[in-house]
Amino acid sequence: MVDRQRLVSGLIALGYLSAMWRREGWPGALALAVPLAIPLALIWYPGSVSRSTGRGWGLNRIDRPTPPLAIRALGWVLLLVPLLIIAVRWWRGTA
């Protein structure tokens, strides 16, 4: 089932891909598809990602699940940061 967050994040990702395709062609769009998969996975499947345990980056043990809301929020931050950067650069150029 597609909920609102999946739909909106998918549309934003398609917007990124179409903009890159218009600017750089297929190689640029395909190169962008891989990094876009990370925030989309965090937004679309936060429950599956939250159950991951094991060794962390600092080799500390991860022994409890992360709240799915926190994982989904991180996905949104990663997905929307480029839009924020574009908006700030646009605003600085016209101000």
C-alpha atoms as a PDB file:
ATOM      1  CA  MET A   1       0.000   0.000   0.000  1.00  0.00           C
ATOM      2  CA  VAL A   2       1.256   3.453  -0.896  1.00  0.00           C
ATOM      3  CA  ASP A   3       0.822   5.973   1.875  1.00  0.00           C
ATOM      4  CA  ARG A   4       1.187   9.724   1.514  1.00  0.00           C
ATOM      5  CA  GLN A   5       4.832   9.828   2.622  1.00  0.00           C
ATOM      6  CA  ARG A   6       5.848   7.200   0.089  1.00  0.00           C
ATOM      7  CA  LEU A   7       3.998   9.001  -2.676  1.00  0.00           C
ATOM      8  CA  VAL A   8       5.443  12.436  -1.896  1.00  0.00           C
ATOM      9  CA  SER A   9       8.989  11.138  -1.440  1.00  0.00           C
ATOM     10  CA  GLY A  10       8.727   9.193  -4.690  1.00  0.00           C
ATOM     11  CA  LEU A  11       7.559  12.292  -6.541  1.00  0.00           C
ATOM     12  CA  ILE A  12      10.435  14.333  -5.092  1.00  0.00           C
ATOM     13  CA  ALA A  13      12.899  11.620  -6.149  1.00  0.00           C
ATOM     14  CA  LEU A  14      11.392  11.582  -9.658  1.00  0.00           C
ATOM     15  CA  GLY A  15      11.785  15.360  -9.758  1.00  0.00           C
ATOM     16  CA  TYR A  16      15.465  15.041  -8.873  1.00  0.00           C
ATOM     17  CA  LEU A  17      15.961  12.345 -11.507  1.00  0.00           C
ATOM     18  CA  SER A  18      14.157  14.259 -14.246  1.00  0.00           C
ATOM     19  CA  ALA A  19      16.113  17.439 -13.485  1.00  0.00           C
ATOM     20  CA  MET A  20      19.376  15.521 -13.606  1.00  0.00           C
ATOM     21  CA  TRP A  21      18.316  13.775 -16.810  1.00  0.00           C
ATOM     22  CA  ARG A  22      17.564  17.116 -18.469  1.00  0.00           C
ATOM     23  CA  ARG A  23      20.892  18.540 -17.332  1.00  0.00           C
ATOM     24  CA  GLU A  24      23.296  15.584 -17.665  1.00  0.00           C
ATOM     25  CA  GLY A  25      21.436  12.898 -19.625  1.00  0.00           C
ATOM     26  CA  TRP A  26      21.028   9.255 -18.679  1.00  0.00           C
ATOM     27  CA  PRO A  27      24.473   8.791 -17.092  1.00  0.00           C
ATOM     28  CA  GLY A  28      23.785  11.582 -14.609  1.00  0.00           C
ATOM     29  CA  ALA A  29      20.295  10.312 -13.797  1.00  0.00           C
ATOM     30  CA  LEU A  30      21.544   6.772 -13.236  1.00  0.00           C
ATOM     31  CA  ALA A  31      24.381   8.042 -11.050  1.00  0.00           C
ATOM     32  CA  LEU A  32      21.845   9.930  -8.931  1.00  0.00           C
ATOM     33  CA  ALA A  33      19.522   6.920  -8.595  1.00  0.00           C
ATOM     34  CA  VAL A  34      21.897   5.081  -6.259  1.00  0.00           C
ATOM     35  CA  PRO A  35      22.219   7.858  -3.637  1.00  0.00           C
ATOM     36  CA  LEU A  36      18.458   8.484  -3.840  1.00  0.00           C
ATOM     37  CA  ALA A  37      17.805   4.872  -2.860  1.00  0.00           C
ATOM     38  CA  ILE A  38      19.130   5.490   0.663  1.00  0.00           C
ATOM     39  CA  PRO A  39      16.647   8.165   1.816  1.00  0.00           C
ATOM     40  CA  LEU A  40      13.809   6.410  -0.013  1.00  0.00           C
ATOM     41  CA  ALA A  41      14.586   3.177   1.829  1.00  0.00           C
ATOM     42  CA  LEU A  42      14.630   5.028   5.150  1.00  0.00           C
ATOM     43  CA  ILE A  43      11.266   6.657   4.377  1.00  0.00           C
ATOM     44  CA  TRP A  44       9.546   3.651   2.837  1.00  0.00           C
ATOM     45  CA  TYR A  45      10.790   0.892   5.166  1.00  0.00           C
ATOM     46  CA  PRO A  46      11.592   2.423   8.570  1.00  0.00           C
ATOM     47  CA  GLY A  47      10.298  -0.610  10.476  1.00  0.00           C
ATOM     48  CA  SER A  48      12.638  -3.009   8.697  1.00  0.00           C
ATOM     49  CA  VAL A  49      15.622  -0.715   9.103  1.00  0.00           C
ATOM     50  CA  SER A  50      14.849  -0.091  12.786  1.00  0.00           C
ATOM     51  CA  ARG A  51      15.188  -3.769  13.662  1.00  0.00           C
ATOM     52  CA  SER A  52      18.815  -3.875  12.494  1.00  0.00           C
ATOM     53  CA  THR A  53      21.252  -4.754  15.263  1.00  0.00           C
ATOM     54  CA  GLY A  54      24.913  -5.680  15.378  1.00  0.00           C
ATOM     55  CA  ARG A  55      28.102  -3.639  15.365  1.00  0.00           C
ATOM     56  CA  GLY A  56      27.935   0.122  14.810  1.00  0.00           C
ATOM     57  CA  TRP A  57      30.474   2.290  13.038  1.00  0.00           C
ATOM     58  CA  GLY A  58      32.462   2.764  16.223  1.00  0.00           C
ATOM     59  CA  LEU A  59      32.314  -1.011  16.806  1.00  0.00           C
ATOM     60  CA  ASN A  60      29.855  -0.431  19.625  1.00  0.00           C
ATOM     61  CA  ARG A  61      27.077  -2.955  19.848  1.00  0.00           C
ATOM     62  CA  ILE A  62      23.625  -1.839  18.681  1.00  0.00           C
ATOM     63  CA  ASP A  63      21.354  -3.836  20.968  1.00  0.00           C
ATOM     64  CA  ARG A  64      17.978  -2.086  20.723  1.00  0.00           C
ATOM     65  CA  PRO A  65      15.909  -1.010  17.755  1.00  0.00           C
ATOM     66  CA  THR A  66      15.828   2.605  16.673  1.00  0.00           C
ATOM     67  CA  PRO A  67      12.355   4.156  16.641  1.00  0.00           C
ATOM     68  CA  PRO A  68      10.940   4.000  13.090  1.00  0.00           C
ATOM     69  CA  LEU A  69       9.882   7.648  13.367  1.00  0.00           C
ATOM     70  CA  ALA A  70      13.516   8.691  13.849  1.00  0.00           C
ATOM     71  CA  ILE A  71      14.598   6.634  10.844  1.00  0.00           C
ATOM     72  CA  ARG A  72      11.849   8.076   8.657  1.00  0.00           C
ATOM     73  CA  ALA A  73      12.773  11.615   9.812  1.00  0.00           C
ATOM     74  CA  LEU A  74      16.416  11.024   8.859  1.00  0.00           C
ATOM     75  CA  GLY A  75      15.262   9.863   5.432  1.00  0.00           C
ATOM     76  CA  TRP A  76      13.275  13.062   4.958  1.00  0.00           C
ATOM     77  CA  VAL A  77      16.247  15.177   6.010  1.00  0.00           C
ATOM     78  CA  LEU A  78      18.517  13.407   3.523  1.00  0.00           C
ATOM     79  CA  LEU A  79      15.919  13.768   0.779  1.00  0.00           C
ATOM     80  CA  LEU A  80      15.157  17.451   1.381  1.00  0.00           C
ATOM     81  CA  VAL A  81      18.635  18.858   2.060  1.00  0.00           C
ATOM     82  CA  PRO A  82      19.381  19.270  -1.685  1.00  0.00           C
ATOM     83  CA  LEU A  83      16.152  21.273  -2.097  1.00  0.00           C
ATOM     84  CA  LEU A  84      17.179  23.500   0.790  1.00  0.00           C
ATOM     85  CA  ILE A  85      20.600  24.064  -0.767  1.00  0.00           C
ATOM     86  CA  ILE A  86      19.015  24.901  -4.122  1.00  0.00           C
ATOM     87  CA  ALA A  87      16.592  27.325  -2.459  1.00  0.00           C
ATOM     88  CA  VAL A  88      19.356  29.104  -0.535  1.00  0.00           C
ATOM     89  CA  ARG A  89      21.542  29.414  -3.646  1.00  0.00           C
ATOM     90  CA  TRP A  90      18.575  30.732  -5.650  1.00  0.00           C
ATOM     91  CA  TRP A  91      17.701  33.232  -2.924  1.00  0.00           C
ATOM     92  CA  ARG A  92      21.288  34.459  -2.651  1.00  0.00           C
ATOM     93  CA  GLY A  93      21.519  34.877  -6.405  1.00  0.00           C
ATOM     94  CA  THR A  94      18.386  37.011  -6.621  1.00  0.00           C
ATOM     95  CA  ALA A  95      18.754  38.940  -3.345  1.00  0.00           C
END
